[in-house]
Amino acid sequence: MNDDNPPCVIPGKCNVCESSYVLCYGTDSPRRTDVPGELEIDREKGKVIARLIILDDPKDPLYVEFQVTKQFASTLIEKTELLVRFVDVSMKSEKIYRFHLGVEEVRILKTYLGVS
């Protein structure tokens, strides 16, 4: 397994799967999926980390943090959409949250990861 394909299913964590979506396994899930969100993208210790803030509860928004690789960034830039799947430990209950990337998020991904 290489860095572009970290293990998808890690209890309590959110990870990129198949370089196409983020899977949050056994972690909190949003109360609602029809709410706005914000995406922060930062460099930390040589890695690009994204934090999706789902504004499902104004007093306690849900934070989803994951590493962004070049391959995943290419997918995000092409689709301009981030898909996050939340599953419980039984893998039966699922919620899907979609975040549409704006021009600024695409620009930052291209700059940080050298993707065109």
N, C-alpha and C. Protein backbone atom coordinates (compact mmCIF):
# COMPACT_ATOMS: atom_id res chain seq x y z
N MET A 1 0.84 -1.18 0.00
CA MET A 1 0.00 0.00 0.00
C MET A 1 0.89 1.24 0.00
N ASN A 2 0.59 2.23 -0.85
CA ASN A 2 1.41 3.43 -0.89
C ASN A 2 0.69 4.60 -0.23
N ASP A 3 1.36 5.76 -0.17
CA ASP A 3 0.79 6.93 0.50
C ASP A 3 -0.45 7.46 -0.18
N ASP A 4 -0.63 7.20 -1.48
CA ASP A 4 -1.81 7.69 -2.18
C ASP A 4 -3.05 6.88 -1.82
N ASN A 5 -2.89 5.70 -1.26
CA ASN A 5 -4.02 4.86 -0.91
C ASN A 5 -3.90 4.37 0.53
N PRO A 6 -4.09 5.28 1.51
CA PRO A 6 -4.02 4.82 2.90
C PRO A 6 -5.19 3.90 3.19
N PRO A 7 -5.07 3.09 4.24
CA PRO A 7 -6.20 2.21 4.58
C PRO A 7 -7.46 3.04 4.81
N CYS A 8 -8.56 2.63 4.20
CA CYS A 8 -9.80 3.40 4.32
C CYS A 8 -10.45 3.27 5.68
N VAL A 9 -10.46 2.08 6.20
CA VAL A 9 -11.24 1.83 7.40
C VAL A 9 -10.33 1.79 8.63
N ILE A 10 -10.30 2.92 9.32
CA ILE A 10 -9.59 3.03 10.58
C ILE A 10 -10.59 3.59 11.58
N PRO A 11 -10.94 2.81 12.61
CA PRO A 11 -11.94 3.27 13.57
C PRO A 11 -11.65 4.66 14.12
N GLY A 12 -12.67 5.50 14.09
CA GLY A 12 -12.56 6.84 14.63
C GLY A 12 -11.84 7.83 13.75
N LYS A 13 -11.51 7.44 12.52
CA LYS A 13 -10.75 8.31 11.62
C LYS A 13 -11.49 8.52 10.31
N CYS A 14 -11.07 9.58 9.62
CA CYS A 14 -11.56 9.86 8.27
C CYS A 14 -10.37 9.75 7.32
N ASN A 15 -10.52 8.96 6.28
CA ASN A 15 -9.44 8.73 5.32
C ASN A 15 -9.96 8.79 3.90
N VAL A 16 -9.05 9.11 2.99
CA VAL A 16 -9.37 9.10 1.57
C VAL A 16 -9.41 7.65 1.10
N CYS A 17 -10.45 7.30 0.36
CA CYS A 17 -10.60 5.95 -0.18
C CYS A 17 -10.61 6.01 -1.70
N GLU A 18 -9.85 5.11 -2.28
CA GLU A 18 -9.81 4.96 -3.74
C GLU A 18 -9.54 6.28 -4.45
N SER A 19 -8.88 7.20 -3.75
CA SER A 19 -8.57 8.54 -4.28
C SER A 19 -9.79 9.24 -4.85
N SER A 20 -10.99 8.89 -4.31
CA SER A 20 -12.18 9.51 -4.87
C SER A 20 -13.16 10.07 -3.84
N TYR A 21 -13.08 9.62 -2.59
CA TYR A 21 -13.98 10.14 -1.55
C TYR A 21 -13.33 9.97 -0.19
N VAL A 22 -13.94 10.59 0.82
CA VAL A 22 -13.46 10.47 2.19
C VAL A 22 -14.44 9.57 2.94
N LEU A 23 -13.91 8.60 3.67
CA LEU A 23 -14.73 7.70 4.47
C LEU A 23 -14.44 7.96 5.94
N CYS A 24 -15.49 8.28 6.70
CA CYS A 24 -15.37 8.45 8.14
C CYS A 24 -16.05 7.24 8.77
N TYR A 25 -15.25 6.45 9.47
CA TYR A 25 -15.72 5.17 9.99
C TYR A 25 -15.87 5.21 11.50
N GLY A 26 -17.11 5.00 11.95
CA GLY A 26 -17.37 4.91 13.38
C GLY A 26 -17.16 6.22 14.13
N THR A 27 -17.12 7.31 13.41
CA THR A 27 -16.93 8.61 14.04
C THR A 27 -18.27 9.33 14.09
N ASP A 28 -18.25 10.53 14.60
CA ASP A 28 -19.46 11.34 14.58
C ASP A 28 -19.93 11.52 13.15
N SER A 29 -21.21 11.73 13.00
CA SER A 29 -21.74 12.05 11.68
C SER A 29 -22.59 13.30 11.81
N PRO A 30 -22.79 14.01 10.71
CA PRO A 30 -23.57 15.25 10.80
C PRO A 30 -25.03 14.96 11.14
N ARG A 31 -25.63 15.88 11.86
CA ARG A 31 -27.06 15.74 12.18
C ARG A 31 -27.89 15.87 10.92
N ARG A 32 -27.42 16.77 10.04
CA ARG A 32 -28.09 17.00 8.75
C ARG A 32 -27.01 17.09 7.68
N THR A 33 -27.36 16.71 6.46
CA THR A 33 -26.39 16.77 5.37
C THR A 33 -26.74 17.86 4.35
N ASP A 34 -27.81 18.57 4.58
CA ASP A 34 -28.23 19.63 3.66
C ASP A 34 -27.84 21.01 4.18
N VAL A 35 -26.69 21.08 4.81
CA VAL A 35 -26.22 22.32 5.42
C VAL A 35 -24.92 22.77 4.75
N PRO A 36 -24.59 24.07 4.87
CA PRO A 36 -23.34 24.54 4.27
C PRO A 36 -22.11 24.02 5.03
N GLY A 37 -20.98 24.17 4.38
CA GLY A 37 -19.72 23.78 4.99
C GLY A 37 -18.62 24.74 4.58
N GLU A 38 -17.48 24.60 5.22
CA GLU A 38 -16.30 25.39 4.89
C GLU A 38 -15.12 24.44 4.78
N LEU A 39 -14.22 24.71 3.85
CA LEU A 39 -13.05 23.86 3.67
C LEU A 39 -11.80 24.67 3.91
N GLU A 40 -10.97 24.20 4.84
CA GLU A 40 -9.67 24.80 5.10
C GLU A 40 -8.60 23.85 4.60
N ILE A 41 -7.59 24.38 3.94
CA ILE A 41 -6.51 23.56 3.41
C ILE A 41 -5.19 24.15 3.91
N ASP A 42 -4.38 23.32 4.56
CA ASP A 42 -3.12 23.79 5.15
C ASP A 42 -2.00 22.81 4.86
N ARG A 43 -0.78 23.32 4.96
CA ARG A 43 0.41 22.47 4.92
C ARG A 43 0.85 22.24 6.35
N GLU A 44 1.10 20.98 6.69
CA GLU A 44 1.58 20.64 8.03
C GLU A 44 2.62 19.53 7.91
N LYS A 45 3.82 19.81 8.36
CA LYS A 45 4.90 18.82 8.37
C LYS A 45 5.07 18.14 7.01
N GLY A 46 5.06 18.92 5.95
CA GLY A 46 5.28 18.39 4.61
C GLY A 46 4.08 17.71 3.98
N LYS A 47 2.95 17.73 4.64
CA LYS A 47 1.72 17.13 4.11
C LYS A 47 0.67 18.21 3.91
N VAL A 48 -0.28 17.93 3.03
CA VAL A 48 -1.41 18.84 2.85
C VAL A 48 -2.60 18.23 3.58
N ILE A 49 -3.13 19.00 4.53
CA ILE A 49 -4.24 18.55 5.37
C ILE A 49 -5.46 19.42 5.07
N ALA A 50 -6.60 18.77 4.91
CA ALA A 50 -7.85 19.49 4.70
C ALA A 50 -8.74 19.30 5.92
N ARG A 51 -9.44 20.36 6.26
CA ARG A 51 -10.43 20.31 7.34
C ARG A 51 -11.75 20.81 6.77
N LEU A 52 -12.71 19.91 6.73
CA LEU A 52 -14.05 20.27 6.30
C LEU A 52 -14.86 20.55 7.55
N ILE A 53 -15.45 21.72 7.61
CA ILE A 53 -16.27 22.10 8.75
C ILE A 53 -17.72 22.07 8.28
N ILE A 54 -18.48 21.10 8.80
CA ILE A 54 -19.88 20.94 8.42
C ILE A 54 -20.72 21.69 9.45
N LEU A 55 -21.45 22.69 8.99
CA LEU A 55 -22.19 23.59 9.87
C LEU A 55 -23.59 23.05 10.18
N ASP A 56 -23.63 21.82 10.70
CA ASP A 56 -24.90 21.18 11.03
C ASP A 56 -25.47 21.66 12.36
N ASP A 57 -24.62 22.18 13.22
CA ASP A 57 -25.04 22.72 14.51
C ASP A 57 -24.21 23.98 14.75
N PRO A 58 -24.84 25.16 14.76
CA PRO A 58 -24.09 26.41 14.90
C PRO A 58 -23.20 26.46 16.14
N LYS A 59 -23.61 25.79 17.21
CA LYS A 59 -22.83 25.81 18.45
C LYS A 59 -21.75 24.73 18.47
N ASP A 60 -21.89 23.71 17.63
CA ASP A 60 -20.96 22.59 17.65
C ASP A 60 -20.84 21.98 16.25
N PRO A 61 -20.18 22.69 15.31
CA PRO A 61 -20.04 22.14 13.96
C PRO A 61 -19.17 20.88 13.97
N LEU A 62 -19.33 20.07 12.95
CA LEU A 62 -18.57 18.83 12.83
C LEU A 62 -17.33 19.07 11.99
N TYR A 63 -16.17 18.67 12.51
CA TYR A 63 -14.90 18.82 11.81
C TYR A 63 -14.47 17.47 11.25
N VAL A 64 -14.12 17.46 9.97
CA VAL A 64 -13.62 16.26 9.30
C VAL A 64 -12.23 16.60 8.77
N GLU A 65 -11.22 15.90 9.26
CA GLU A 65 -9.84 16.19 8.86
C GLU A 65 -9.25 14.98 8.13
N PHE A 66 -8.52 15.26 7.04
CA PHE A 66 -7.93 14.19 6.25
C PHE A 66 -6.76 14.73 5.45
N GLN A 67 -5.88 13.82 5.04
CA GLN A 67 -4.72 14.19 4.23
C GLN A 67 -5.11 14.19 2.76
N VAL A 68 -4.60 15.17 2.02
CA VAL A 68 -4.87 15.27 0.59
C VAL A 68 -3.59 14.91 -0.18
N THR A 69 -3.69 13.93 -1.05
CA THR A 69 -2.57 13.54 -1.91
C THR A 69 -2.75 14.18 -3.29
N LYS A 70 -1.72 14.10 -4.11
CA LYS A 70 -1.83 14.64 -5.48
C LYS A 70 -2.95 13.96 -6.25
N GLN A 71 -3.04 12.66 -6.12
CA GLN A 71 -4.06 11.91 -6.86
C GLN A 71 -5.46 12.33 -6.42
N PHE A 72 -5.68 12.47 -5.12
CA PHE A 72 -6.99 12.88 -4.62
C PHE A 72 -7.27 14.33 -5.01
N ALA A 73 -6.26 15.19 -4.95
CA ALA A 73 -6.43 16.59 -5.36
C ALA A 73 -6.86 16.67 -6.81
N SER A 74 -6.27 15.84 -7.67
CA SER A 74 -6.65 15.83 -9.08
C SER A 74 -8.13 15.48 -9.24
N THR A 75 -8.60 14.50 -8.47
CA THR A 75 -10.01 14.11 -8.51
C THR A 75 -10.90 15.27 -8.05
N LEU A 76 -10.51 15.91 -6.94
CA LEU A 76 -11.30 17.03 -6.42
C LEU A 76 -11.38 18.17 -7.43
N ILE A 77 -10.24 18.49 -8.04
CA ILE A 77 -10.19 19.59 -9.01
C ILE A 77 -11.05 19.26 -10.23
N GLU A 78 -10.97 18.02 -10.69
CA GLU A 78 -11.75 17.62 -11.86
C GLU A 78 -13.25 17.66 -11.59
N LYS A 79 -13.66 17.15 -10.43
CA LYS A 79 -15.10 17.07 -10.11
C LYS A 79 -15.63 18.32 -9.42
N THR A 80 -14.75 19.13 -8.85
CA THR A 80 -15.08 20.29 -8.00
C THR A 80 -16.10 19.92 -6.92
N GLU A 81 -16.00 18.68 -6.44
CA GLU A 81 -16.89 18.21 -5.38
C GLU A 81 -16.13 17.27 -4.46
N LEU A 82 -16.35 17.45 -3.17
CA LEU A 82 -15.80 16.57 -2.15
C LEU A 82 -16.95 15.74 -1.60
N LEU A 83 -16.82 14.44 -1.68
CA LEU A 83 -17.83 13.52 -1.18
C LEU A 83 -17.31 12.88 0.10
N VAL A 84 -18.09 13.00 1.18
CA VAL A 84 -17.71 12.40 2.46
C VAL A 84 -18.80 11.41 2.84
N ARG A 85 -18.37 10.17 3.07
CA ARG A 85 -19.30 9.11 3.49
C ARG A 85 -19.06 8.81 4.96
N PHE A 86 -20.11 8.85 5.75
CA PHE A 86 -20.04 8.53 7.18
C PHE A 86 -20.71 7.18 7.39
N VAL A 87 -19.97 6.23 7.96
CA VAL A 87 -20.54 4.91 8.24
C VAL A 87 -20.29 4.55 9.70
N ASP A 88 -21.22 3.77 10.26
CA ASP A 88 -21.03 3.32 11.63
C ASP A 88 -20.21 2.03 11.62
N VAL A 89 -19.91 1.51 12.79
CA VAL A 89 -19.03 0.34 12.87
C VAL A 89 -19.62 -0.90 12.22
N SER A 90 -20.94 -0.94 12.05
CA SER A 90 -21.56 -2.08 11.38
C SER A 90 -21.49 -1.94 9.86
N MET A 91 -21.06 -0.76 9.39
CA MET A 91 -20.99 -0.43 7.96
C MET A 91 -22.38 -0.42 7.31
N LYS A 92 -23.44 -0.34 8.13
CA LYS A 92 -24.80 -0.35 7.59
C LYS A 92 -25.40 1.04 7.51
N SER A 93 -25.19 1.84 8.52
CA SER A 93 -25.76 3.18 8.55
C SER A 93 -24.82 4.12 7.81
N GLU A 94 -25.36 4.84 6.85
CA GLU A 94 -24.51 5.73 6.07
C GLU A 94 -25.19 7.07 5.83
N LYS A 95 -24.39 8.12 5.96
CA LYS A 95 -24.82 9.47 5.57
C LYS A 95 -23.79 9.98 4.58
N ILE A 96 -24.25 10.73 3.61
CA ILE A 96 -23.34 11.28 2.60
C ILE A 96 -23.45 12.79 2.62
N TYR A 97 -22.29 13.44 2.67
CA TYR A 97 -22.23 14.90 2.64
C TYR A 97 -21.43 15.30 1.41
N ARG A 98 -21.95 16.26 0.66
CA ARG A 98 -21.28 16.76 -0.55
C ARG A 98 -20.92 18.23 -0.35
N PHE A 99 -19.66 18.54 -0.64
CA PHE A 99 -19.18 19.92 -0.56
C PHE A 99 -18.66 20.31 -1.94
N HIS A 100 -19.16 21.42 -2.46
CA HIS A 100 -18.72 21.89 -3.78
C HIS A 100 -17.57 22.86 -3.61
N LEU A 101 -16.44 22.55 -4.26
CA LEU A 101 -15.25 23.38 -4.17
C LEU A 101 -15.42 24.64 -5.01
N GLY A 102 -15.01 25.75 -4.44
CA GLY A 102 -15.02 27.01 -5.16
C GLY A 102 -13.68 27.26 -5.83
N VAL A 103 -13.59 28.37 -6.51
CA VAL A 103 -12.37 28.75 -7.22
C VAL A 103 -11.18 28.83 -6.28
N GLU A 104 -11.38 29.37 -5.08
CA GLU A 104 -10.28 29.53 -4.13
C GLU A 104 -9.74 28.18 -3.64
N GLU A 105 -10.62 27.24 -3.32
CA GLU A 105 -10.17 25.91 -2.87
C GLU A 105 -9.39 25.21 -3.98
N VAL A 106 -9.87 25.31 -5.21
CA VAL A 106 -9.17 24.70 -6.35
C VAL A 106 -7.79 25.33 -6.52
N ARG A 107 -7.71 26.65 -6.42
CA ARG A 107 -6.43 27.35 -6.56
C ARG A 107 -5.44 26.90 -5.49
N ILE A 108 -5.90 26.79 -4.26
CA ILE A 108 -5.02 26.37 -3.16
C ILE A 108 -4.52 24.94 -3.38
N LEU A 109 -5.40 24.04 -3.77
CA LEU A 109 -4.98 22.66 -4.04
C LEU A 109 -3.93 22.61 -5.14
N LYS A 110 -4.15 23.35 -6.20
CA LYS A 110 -3.19 23.38 -7.31
C LYS A 110 -1.84 23.91 -6.84
N THR A 111 -1.86 24.96 -6.04
CA THR A 111 -0.63 25.57 -5.55
C THR A 111 0.11 24.63 -4.59
N TYR A 112 -0.58 24.10 -3.61
CA TYR A 112 0.06 23.27 -2.58
C TYR A 112 0.56 21.94 -3.12
N LEU A 113 -0.14 21.37 -4.10
CA LEU A 113 0.23 20.04 -4.57
C LEU A 113 0.80 20.02 -5.98
N GLY A 114 0.90 21.17 -6.62
CA GLY A 114 1.47 21.22 -7.96
C GLY A 114 0.65 20.45 -8.98
N VAL A 115 -0.66 20.52 -8.83
CA VAL A 115 -1.58 19.83 -9.74
C VAL A 115 -2.16 20.85 -10.70
N SER A 116 -2.29 20.47 -11.97
CA SER A 116 -2.87 21.42 -12.93
C SER A 116 -4.25 20.99 -13.36
